[in-house]
Amino acid sequence: QVQLVESGGGLVQAGGSLRLSCTVSGRDFSFFYMGWFRQAPGKEREFVAAIGWSDDSSYYSDRVEGRFTGTRDNAKNTVYLQMNSLRPEDTAVYFCAAGRPISSELRVQRGYQYWGRGTQVTVSS
């Protein structure tokens, strides 16, 4: 079993930055990727980023490419999502997830078996 806890959300003005953290605990660390997804009010949950747990691979949605950067600290069992140049449309609840997605499932929810409860990010204009 794996538990994921996100932190670092908050209220920021457009153009500002936030860094989200996701700390992993539990017995099963055999997952390959940590994913970040977000869900805005009235919208479906969407893929944001995926970070390899054991390598330096990373993938981003077109909407955040160049603004968001995912990193990990295996010693702390934590992954981070550095979010720069934030826009009001980035407002959402951000979730981290862990799993063993095949390449075709890297950007979809079903590729991830474990989920955190989310952290709210609000970007004011």
Foldseek 3Di string as FASTA:
>chain_A
DKAKAKDWADEEAAQAKIKMKIAMDDDDPPFFKKWKWWDDPPGDIWGAKIATPPDGDMDGDPVQPPFWDKDDDVVRRMIMIIGGRDDQVVWTWMKMFTAHADPVCRTDDVRGDYIYPTDTHGYHD
